[in-house]
Amino acid sequence: MAQLQVQQKKSSIGCKANQRETLRSLGLKRIGDVVVKEDRPEIRGMVHTVRHLVTVQVIDGVIGEDESK
C-alpha cells in the first residue's frame, strides 16, 4: 500500500482556523515536522486543504513489510 510523507514547510500563523486544525489532525505541530500517513482519499483531502503549507512525497512500500502476503 502506498503511503504519503507529509512535511510542514510553512507556519500556520495567519491561516484560517480550519487549516490550523487540519495540520494538527495530520499530526503536524511545527515547521519541519514529518509524518507518514496511508494514501487514502481522506488524507489526500486534508493535504489538499493545507497544500500551501506542506510538501508531499509518495512512498511506494513500507520497509520491513512482508512481500509474500
N, C-alpha and C. Protein backbone atom coordinates (compact mmCIF):
# COMPACT_ATOMS: atom_id res chain seq x y z
N MET A 1 0.85 -1.19 0.00
CA MET A 1 0.00 0.00 0.00
C MET A 1 0.88 1.24 0.00
N ALA A 2 0.56 2.16 -0.84
CA ALA A 2 1.33 3.40 -0.91
C ALA A 2 1.06 4.26 0.32
N GLN A 3 2.04 5.06 0.66
CA GLN A 3 1.90 5.97 1.79
C GLN A 3 2.34 7.36 1.36
N LEU A 4 1.92 8.35 2.12
CA LEU A 4 2.29 9.73 1.86
C LEU A 4 3.17 10.24 2.99
N GLN A 5 4.29 10.85 2.61
CA GLN A 5 5.14 11.51 3.60
C GLN A 5 4.83 13.00 3.50
N VAL A 6 4.32 13.56 4.58
CA VAL A 6 3.90 14.96 4.60
C VAL A 6 4.82 15.72 5.53
N GLN A 7 5.39 16.83 5.05
CA GLN A 7 6.28 17.65 5.85
C GLN A 7 5.76 19.08 5.86
N GLN A 8 5.68 19.66 7.06
CA GLN A 8 5.23 21.05 7.18
C GLN A 8 6.38 21.97 6.80
N LYS A 9 6.13 22.88 5.86
CA LYS A 9 7.17 23.78 5.37
C LYS A 9 6.95 25.23 5.80
N LYS A 10 5.70 25.61 6.07
CA LYS A 10 5.40 26.99 6.45
C LYS A 10 4.58 27.00 7.73
N SER A 11 4.60 28.13 8.40
CA SER A 11 3.87 28.29 9.66
C SER A 11 2.38 28.44 9.41
N SER A 12 1.59 28.06 10.42
CA SER A 12 0.15 28.21 10.32
C SER A 12 -0.32 29.55 10.90
N ILE A 13 0.60 30.38 11.34
CA ILE A 13 0.24 31.69 11.87
C ILE A 13 -0.37 32.52 10.74
N GLY A 14 -1.51 33.09 10.99
CA GLY A 14 -2.18 33.91 10.00
C GLY A 14 -3.10 33.12 9.08
N CYS A 15 -3.14 31.81 9.23
CA CYS A 15 -4.01 30.96 8.41
C CYS A 15 -5.38 30.87 9.07
N LYS A 16 -6.34 30.38 8.29
CA LYS A 16 -7.68 30.18 8.82
C LYS A 16 -7.66 29.06 9.86
N ALA A 17 -8.64 29.09 10.75
CA ALA A 17 -8.71 28.12 11.84
C ALA A 17 -8.82 26.69 11.32
N ASN A 18 -9.59 26.49 10.24
CA ASN A 18 -9.75 25.12 9.74
C ASN A 18 -8.43 24.58 9.19
N GLN A 19 -7.57 25.44 8.67
CA GLN A 19 -6.27 25.00 8.17
C GLN A 19 -5.35 24.62 9.33
N ARG A 20 -5.39 25.39 10.42
CA ARG A 20 -4.60 25.04 11.61
C ARG A 20 -5.07 23.71 12.19
N GLU A 21 -6.37 23.52 12.24
CA GLU A 21 -6.93 22.27 12.76
C GLU A 21 -6.57 21.08 11.88
N THR A 22 -6.53 21.30 10.57
CA THR A 22 -6.16 20.23 9.64
C THR A 22 -4.71 19.82 9.85
N LEU A 23 -3.82 20.80 10.04
CA LEU A 23 -2.41 20.47 10.32
C LEU A 23 -2.30 19.63 11.58
N ARG A 24 -3.03 19.99 12.63
CA ARG A 24 -2.99 19.23 13.87
C ARG A 24 -3.56 17.83 13.68
N SER A 25 -4.61 17.71 12.85
CA SER A 25 -5.20 16.40 12.58
C SER A 25 -4.22 15.50 11.84
N LEU A 26 -3.38 16.09 11.02
CA LEU A 26 -2.36 15.33 10.31
C LEU A 26 -1.20 14.96 11.23
N GLY A 27 -1.11 15.60 12.40
CA GLY A 27 -0.03 15.31 13.34
C GLY A 27 1.14 16.25 13.19
N LEU A 28 0.93 17.39 12.52
CA LEU A 28 2.00 18.36 12.30
C LEU A 28 1.84 19.50 13.30
N LYS A 29 2.89 19.75 14.08
CA LYS A 29 2.82 20.77 15.12
C LYS A 29 3.71 21.97 14.84
N ARG A 30 4.81 21.74 14.12
CA ARG A 30 5.75 22.85 13.88
C ARG A 30 6.44 22.65 12.53
N ILE A 31 7.08 23.69 12.07
CA ILE A 31 7.79 23.64 10.79
C ILE A 31 8.87 22.56 10.87
N GLY A 32 8.93 21.74 9.84
CA GLY A 32 9.92 20.68 9.78
C GLY A 32 9.40 19.33 10.23
N ASP A 33 8.25 19.30 10.88
CA ASP A 33 7.68 18.02 11.30
C ASP A 33 7.33 17.16 10.08
N VAL A 34 7.56 15.86 10.19
CA VAL A 34 7.27 14.92 9.12
C VAL A 34 6.41 13.79 9.67
N VAL A 35 5.35 13.45 8.94
CA VAL A 35 4.51 12.32 9.29
C VAL A 35 4.31 11.45 8.06
N VAL A 36 4.09 10.17 8.28
CA VAL A 36 3.80 9.24 7.18
C VAL A 36 2.39 8.72 7.41
N LYS A 37 1.55 8.92 6.42
CA LYS A 37 0.14 8.51 6.50
C LYS A 37 -0.19 7.60 5.33
N GLU A 38 -1.22 6.76 5.51
CA GLU A 38 -1.69 5.92 4.41
C GLU A 38 -2.28 6.80 3.32
N ASP A 39 -2.11 6.36 2.08
CA ASP A 39 -2.63 7.11 0.93
C ASP A 39 -4.12 6.77 0.77
N ARG A 40 -4.96 7.57 1.43
CA ARG A 40 -6.40 7.39 1.37
C ARG A 40 -7.04 8.71 0.95
N PRO A 41 -8.25 8.66 0.43
CA PRO A 41 -8.92 9.90 -0.02
C PRO A 41 -9.07 10.93 1.10
N GLU A 42 -9.30 10.48 2.35
CA GLU A 42 -9.47 11.41 3.45
C GLU A 42 -8.18 12.19 3.71
N ILE A 43 -7.07 11.48 3.68
CA ILE A 43 -5.77 12.12 3.92
C ILE A 43 -5.43 13.05 2.77
N ARG A 44 -5.70 12.62 1.54
CA ARG A 44 -5.45 13.49 0.38
C ARG A 44 -6.26 14.77 0.46
N GLY A 45 -7.49 14.68 0.96
CA GLY A 45 -8.32 15.87 1.13
C GLY A 45 -7.74 16.82 2.15
N MET A 46 -7.24 16.27 3.25
CA MET A 46 -6.61 17.12 4.27
C MET A 46 -5.36 17.79 3.73
N VAL A 47 -4.56 17.03 2.98
CA VAL A 47 -3.34 17.59 2.39
C VAL A 47 -3.70 18.69 1.40
N HIS A 48 -4.78 18.49 0.65
CA HIS A 48 -5.21 19.49 -0.32
C HIS A 48 -5.60 20.79 0.38
N THR A 49 -6.20 20.69 1.56
CA THR A 49 -6.62 21.87 2.32
C THR A 49 -5.42 22.72 2.73
N VAL A 50 -4.30 22.08 3.04
CA VAL A 50 -3.12 22.83 3.51
C VAL A 50 -1.95 22.70 2.53
N ARG A 51 -2.24 22.53 1.25
CA ARG A 51 -1.20 22.28 0.25
C ARG A 51 -0.17 23.40 0.16
N HIS A 52 -0.53 24.62 0.55
CA HIS A 52 0.42 25.73 0.51
C HIS A 52 1.35 25.75 1.73
N LEU A 53 1.09 24.89 2.71
CA LEU A 53 1.90 24.84 3.92
C LEU A 53 2.78 23.60 4.02
N VAL A 54 2.55 22.61 3.17
CA VAL A 54 3.24 21.32 3.29
C VAL A 54 3.82 20.89 1.95
N THR A 55 4.74 19.91 2.04
CA THR A 55 5.22 19.20 0.85
C THR A 55 4.87 17.72 1.04
N VAL A 56 4.61 17.05 -0.08
CA VAL A 56 4.15 15.66 -0.02
C VAL A 56 4.99 14.81 -0.95
N GLN A 57 5.38 13.63 -0.47
CA GLN A 57 6.06 12.64 -1.29
C GLN A 57 5.32 11.32 -1.15
N VAL A 58 5.23 10.59 -2.26
CA VAL A 58 4.58 9.28 -2.24
C VAL A 58 5.63 8.22 -1.99
N ILE A 59 5.37 7.36 -1.00
CA ILE A 59 6.26 6.25 -0.67
C ILE A 59 5.56 4.98 -1.11
N ASP A 60 6.21 4.19 -1.98
CA ASP A 60 5.56 3.02 -2.57
C ASP A 60 5.43 1.84 -1.62
N GLY A 61 6.39 1.59 -0.79
CA GLY A 61 6.33 0.42 0.08
C GLY A 61 6.76 0.76 1.48
N VAL A 62 6.52 -0.15 2.39
CA VAL A 62 6.91 0.04 3.78
C VAL A 62 8.13 -0.84 4.04
N ILE A 63 9.16 -0.30 4.64
CA ILE A 63 10.36 -1.05 4.95
C ILE A 63 10.01 -2.12 5.98
N GLY A 64 10.41 -3.35 5.71
CA GLY A 64 10.17 -4.43 6.64
C GLY A 64 8.83 -5.13 6.42
N GLU A 65 8.05 -4.68 5.48
CA GLU A 65 6.76 -5.31 5.21
C GLU A 65 6.98 -6.62 4.49
N ASP A 66 6.26 -7.64 4.88
CA ASP A 66 6.40 -8.96 4.26
C ASP A 66 5.76 -8.93 2.87
N GLU A 67 6.56 -9.16 1.83
CA GLU A 67 6.09 -9.08 0.45
C GLU A 67 5.37 -10.33 0.00
N SER A 68 5.41 -11.42 0.79
CA SER A 68 4.83 -12.69 0.37
C SER A 68 3.34 -12.79 0.67
N LYS A 69 2.75 -11.78 1.24
CA LYS A 69 1.31 -11.84 1.58
C LYS A 69 0.44 -11.83 0.36
